[in-house]
Protein backbone atom coordinates (compact mmCIF):
# COMPACT_ATOMS: atom_id res chain seq x y z
CA MET A 1 10.99 94.15 -68.88
CA ALA A 2 13.62 91.51 -68.94
CA LYS A 3 15.57 91.12 -72.14
CA SER A 4 15.33 87.65 -73.62
CA LYS A 5 18.05 85.95 -75.49
CA ILE A 6 17.88 84.64 -79.07
CA ARG A 7 18.25 80.86 -78.85
CA ILE A 8 19.94 79.18 -81.85
CA ALA A 9 20.20 75.56 -82.71
CA LEU A 10 22.88 74.67 -85.07
CA ILE A 11 22.88 71.95 -87.82
CA GLY A 12 26.23 71.47 -89.20
CA CYS A 13 29.32 72.10 -86.88
CA GLY A 14 32.21 71.83 -89.30
CA GLY A 15 35.22 74.07 -89.47
CA ASN A 16 33.68 76.97 -91.11
CA MET A 17 30.94 77.10 -88.52
CA ARG A 18 33.47 76.85 -85.63
CA GLY A 19 35.90 79.09 -87.09
CA ALA A 20 33.70 81.92 -88.59
CA HIS A 21 30.18 81.90 -87.49
CA VAL A 22 30.01 80.58 -83.91
CA PRO A 23 32.85 82.86 -82.66
CA ARG A 24 30.73 85.98 -83.64
CA LEU A 25 27.59 84.49 -82.20
CA HIS A 26 29.38 83.57 -78.94
CA GLU A 27 30.53 87.20 -78.46
CA ASP A 28 26.92 88.45 -78.58
CA ALA A 29 25.42 88.41 -75.16
CA LYS A 30 22.02 88.23 -76.58
CA VAL A 31 22.67 84.89 -78.26
CA GLU A 32 22.40 81.56 -76.53
CA LEU A 33 23.50 78.35 -78.45
CA VAL A 34 21.30 75.49 -77.82
CA PRO A 35 21.45 72.06 -79.24
CA VAL A 36 23.98 71.43 -82.04
CA MET A 37 24.12 68.51 -84.39
CA ASP A 38 26.19 67.22 -87.21
CA THR A 39 26.25 64.03 -89.28
CA GLU A 40 29.78 63.54 -87.91
CA GLU A 41 29.61 63.32 -84.22
CA THR A 42 33.25 64.48 -83.82
CA GLN A 43 32.50 67.74 -85.38
CA ALA A 44 29.57 68.46 -82.96
CA ARG A 45 31.80 67.50 -80.13
CA LEU A 46 34.60 69.85 -81.26
CA LEU A 47 32.16 72.66 -81.01
CA MET A 48 30.68 71.62 -77.73
CA VAL A 49 34.19 71.47 -76.19
CA ARG A 50 35.30 74.86 -77.60
CA TYR A 51 32.17 76.75 -76.69
CA GLY A 52 30.95 74.93 -73.68
CA LYS A 53 27.79 73.32 -75.21
């Protein structure tokens, strides 16, 4: 049986999310980050650039 990933969508991509939470999620091969959003487009773009989303 193939192991499926946990797909996580993020709402809120500020410094705390980029600096603390996402790095831990990114290390876990079972987690896939899917769409991200933030009321400040630049915050979402920073996260996308750093983690390839």
